[in-house]
Amino acid sequence: MTTSELQGMSREDKLRMMHALWEDLARDEEATASPAWHGQALRETEQRIQAGTEGIHDWDDAKTELRRRAE
């Protein structure tokens, strides 16, 4: 598929295509496994949360804040 073909697709068709691609990629669990550093980063975050030095934020609030910062 070319970029021009992609640009001609509706948003709904793009989302369908993205879903189909993800489903296809996810079939091979080993190939899509997270890298080792990702597990380490999650453990470090969990430790900060337990220590009270890291907070948990509502996803919608976080998106709003990130969009505000990007303006």
N, C-alpha and C. Protein backbone atom coordinates (compact mmCIF):
# COMPACT_ATOMS: atom_id res chain seq x y z
N MET A 1 0.85 -1.17 0.00
CA MET A 1 0.00 0.00 0.00
C MET A 1 0.89 1.23 0.00
N THR A 2 0.53 2.19 -0.81
CA THR A 2 1.31 3.42 -0.90
C THR A 2 0.72 4.48 0.03
N THR A 3 1.50 5.51 0.27
CA THR A 3 1.04 6.62 1.11
C THR A 3 -0.19 7.28 0.51
N SER A 4 -0.21 7.45 -0.79
CA SER A 4 -1.36 8.09 -1.43
C SER A 4 -2.62 7.23 -1.28
N GLU A 5 -2.46 5.90 -1.33
CA GLU A 5 -3.61 5.02 -1.12
C GLU A 5 -4.11 5.14 0.32
N LEU A 6 -3.19 5.24 1.24
CA LEU A 6 -3.55 5.39 2.65
C LEU A 6 -4.28 6.70 2.89
N GLN A 7 -3.83 7.76 2.28
CA GLN A 7 -4.46 9.06 2.44
C GLN A 7 -5.88 9.07 1.88
N GLY A 8 -6.15 8.20 0.93
CA GLY A 8 -7.47 8.14 0.33
C GLY A 8 -8.47 7.33 1.15
N MET A 9 -8.00 6.66 2.18
CA MET A 9 -8.87 5.82 3.01
C MET A 9 -9.61 6.67 4.04
N SER A 10 -10.81 6.24 4.37
CA SER A 10 -11.56 6.92 5.44
C SER A 10 -10.91 6.59 6.78
N ARG A 11 -11.22 7.37 7.78
CA ARG A 11 -10.70 7.12 9.12
C ARG A 11 -11.13 5.74 9.61
N GLU A 12 -12.37 5.39 9.35
CA GLU A 12 -12.89 4.08 9.76
C GLU A 12 -12.12 2.95 9.09
N ASP A 13 -11.84 3.09 7.79
CA ASP A 13 -11.08 2.06 7.08
C ASP A 13 -9.64 1.98 7.61
N LYS A 14 -9.05 3.12 7.94
CA LYS A 14 -7.70 3.12 8.50
C LYS A 14 -7.68 2.39 9.84
N LEU A 15 -8.68 2.64 10.67
CA LEU A 15 -8.74 1.96 11.97
C LEU A 15 -8.92 0.46 11.80
N ARG A 16 -9.75 0.06 10.83
CA ARG A 16 -9.92 -1.37 10.54
C ARG A 16 -8.60 -2.00 10.10
N MET A 17 -7.89 -1.29 9.23
CA MET A 17 -6.60 -1.77 8.74
C MET A 17 -5.59 -1.87 9.88
N MET A 18 -5.57 -0.86 10.74
CA MET A 18 -4.65 -0.87 11.87
C MET A 18 -4.96 -2.04 12.80
N HIS A 19 -6.22 -2.29 13.04
CA HIS A 19 -6.62 -3.42 13.88
C HIS A 19 -6.18 -4.75 13.24
N ALA A 20 -6.41 -4.87 11.95
CA ALA A 20 -6.02 -6.11 11.25
C ALA A 20 -4.50 -6.31 11.30
N LEU A 21 -3.74 -5.23 11.14
CA LEU A 21 -2.29 -5.33 11.22
C LEU A 21 -1.85 -5.74 12.63
N TRP A 22 -2.46 -5.14 13.64
CA TRP A 22 -2.08 -5.49 15.01
C TRP A 22 -2.41 -6.94 15.31
N GLU A 23 -3.58 -7.39 14.90
CA GLU A 23 -3.97 -8.79 15.11
C GLU A 23 -2.97 -9.73 14.44
N ASP A 24 -2.54 -9.38 13.25
CA ASP A 24 -1.58 -10.21 12.54
C ASP A 24 -0.23 -10.23 13.25
N LEU A 25 0.23 -9.07 13.69
CA LEU A 25 1.51 -9.00 14.41
C LEU A 25 1.45 -9.72 15.75
N ALA A 26 0.32 -9.65 16.42
CA ALA A 26 0.18 -10.23 17.76
C ALA A 26 0.12 -11.76 17.73
N ARG A 27 -0.10 -12.34 16.58
CA ARG A 27 -0.16 -13.80 16.49
C ARG A 27 1.16 -14.45 16.89
N ASP A 28 2.25 -13.78 16.61
CA ASP A 28 3.58 -14.31 16.93
C ASP A 28 4.05 -13.61 18.21
N GLU A 29 3.66 -14.19 19.36
CA GLU A 29 3.92 -13.58 20.65
C GLU A 29 5.40 -13.34 20.89
N GLU A 30 6.23 -14.29 20.48
CA GLU A 30 7.66 -14.16 20.71
C GLU A 30 8.25 -12.96 19.98
N ALA A 31 7.78 -12.72 18.78
CA ALA A 31 8.30 -11.61 17.98
C ALA A 31 7.83 -10.26 18.52
N THR A 32 6.73 -10.23 19.27
CA THR A 32 6.21 -8.97 19.79
C THR A 32 6.44 -8.82 21.28
N ALA A 33 7.25 -9.69 21.85
CA ALA A 33 7.54 -9.60 23.29
C ALA A 33 8.25 -8.29 23.60
N SER A 34 7.96 -7.76 24.78
CA SER A 34 8.62 -6.54 25.21
C SER A 34 10.10 -6.79 25.44
N PRO A 35 10.92 -5.80 25.16
CA PRO A 35 12.35 -5.96 25.42
C PRO A 35 12.62 -5.99 26.93
N ALA A 36 13.76 -6.52 27.32
CA ALA A 36 14.10 -6.67 28.74
C ALA A 36 14.06 -5.34 29.48
N TRP A 37 14.51 -4.26 28.82
CA TRP A 37 14.54 -2.96 29.50
C TRP A 37 13.14 -2.51 29.90
N HIS A 38 12.12 -2.95 29.16
CA HIS A 38 10.76 -2.54 29.47
C HIS A 38 10.32 -3.11 30.81
N GLY A 39 10.62 -4.38 31.05
CA GLY A 39 10.30 -5.00 32.34
C GLY A 39 11.01 -4.29 33.48
N GLN A 40 12.27 -3.94 33.25
CA GLN A 40 13.04 -3.22 34.27
C GLN A 40 12.41 -1.85 34.55
N ALA A 41 12.02 -1.15 33.51
CA ALA A 41 11.39 0.16 33.69
C ALA A 41 10.08 0.04 34.47
N LEU A 42 9.31 -1.01 34.20
CA LEU A 42 8.07 -1.22 34.94
C LEU A 42 8.34 -1.52 36.42
N ARG A 43 9.36 -2.32 36.69
CA ARG A 43 9.73 -2.63 38.09
C ARG A 43 10.17 -1.36 38.82
N GLU A 44 10.97 -0.53 38.15
CA GLU A 44 11.43 0.71 38.77
C GLU A 44 10.26 1.66 39.05
N THR A 45 9.32 1.73 38.12
CA THR A 45 8.13 2.56 38.34
C THR A 45 7.33 2.05 39.51
N GLU A 46 7.14 0.74 39.58
CA GLU A 46 6.40 0.14 40.70
C GLU A 46 7.07 0.45 42.03
N GLN A 47 8.40 0.41 42.06
CA GLN A 47 9.13 0.74 43.28
C GLN A 47 8.91 2.20 43.70
N ARG A 48 8.90 3.10 42.70
CA ARG A 48 8.65 4.51 43.01
C ARG A 48 7.23 4.73 43.51
N ILE A 49 6.28 4.00 42.95
CA ILE A 49 4.89 4.11 43.41
C ILE A 49 4.79 3.63 44.85
N GLN A 50 5.41 2.48 45.14
CA GLN A 50 5.38 1.94 46.50
C GLN A 50 6.06 2.88 47.49
N ALA A 51 7.11 3.57 47.06
CA ALA A 51 7.84 4.49 47.92
C ALA A 51 7.13 5.83 48.07
N GLY A 52 6.11 6.06 47.23
CA GLY A 52 5.37 7.31 47.30
C GLY A 52 6.02 8.46 46.55
N THR A 53 7.01 8.16 45.72
CA THR A 53 7.69 9.21 44.95
C THR A 53 7.15 9.33 43.53
N GLU A 54 6.24 8.45 43.19
CA GLU A 54 5.62 8.45 41.84
C GLU A 54 4.12 8.36 42.02
N GLY A 55 3.39 9.18 41.27
CA GLY A 55 1.95 9.15 41.36
C GLY A 55 1.30 8.45 40.17
N ILE A 56 0.07 8.09 40.36
CA ILE A 56 -0.74 7.49 39.28
C ILE A 56 -1.73 8.54 38.84
N HIS A 57 -1.85 8.72 37.53
CA HIS A 57 -2.74 9.74 36.98
C HIS A 57 -3.82 9.11 36.11
N ASP A 58 -4.97 9.70 36.13
CA ASP A 58 -6.07 9.28 35.27
C ASP A 58 -5.64 9.50 33.82
N TRP A 59 -5.89 8.51 32.95
CA TRP A 59 -5.43 8.58 31.57
C TRP A 59 -6.02 9.77 30.84
N ASP A 60 -7.32 10.04 31.02
CA ASP A 60 -7.92 11.19 30.34
C ASP A 60 -7.29 12.49 30.79
N ASP A 61 -7.02 12.62 32.09
CA ASP A 61 -6.36 13.82 32.61
C ASP A 61 -4.95 13.94 32.05
N ALA A 62 -4.25 12.83 31.97
CA ALA A 62 -2.88 12.84 31.44
C ALA A 62 -2.87 13.28 29.97
N LYS A 63 -3.81 12.76 29.17
CA LYS A 63 -3.88 13.16 27.76
C LYS A 63 -4.16 14.65 27.64
N THR A 64 -5.07 15.15 28.46
CA THR A 64 -5.41 16.59 28.43
C THR A 64 -4.17 17.41 28.76
N GLU A 65 -3.42 17.01 29.77
CA GLU A 65 -2.22 17.72 30.18
C GLU A 65 -1.15 17.67 29.08
N LEU A 66 -0.96 16.52 28.48
CA LEU A 66 0.04 16.41 27.40
C LEU A 66 -0.34 17.27 26.19
N ARG A 67 -1.62 17.30 25.87
CA ARG A 67 -2.06 18.15 24.75
C ARG A 67 -1.85 19.62 25.08
N ARG A 68 -2.11 19.99 26.34
CA ARG A 68 -1.91 21.39 26.76
C ARG A 68 -0.44 21.76 26.62
N ARG A 69 0.44 20.87 27.04
CA ARG A 69 1.88 21.14 26.96
C ARG A 69 2.36 21.26 25.52
N ALA A 70 1.73 20.53 24.61
CA ALA A 70 2.15 20.51 23.21
C ALA A 70 1.71 21.77 22.45
N GLU A 71 0.82 22.52 23.02
CA GLU A 71 0.31 23.72 22.31
C GLU A 71 1.33 24.83 22.26
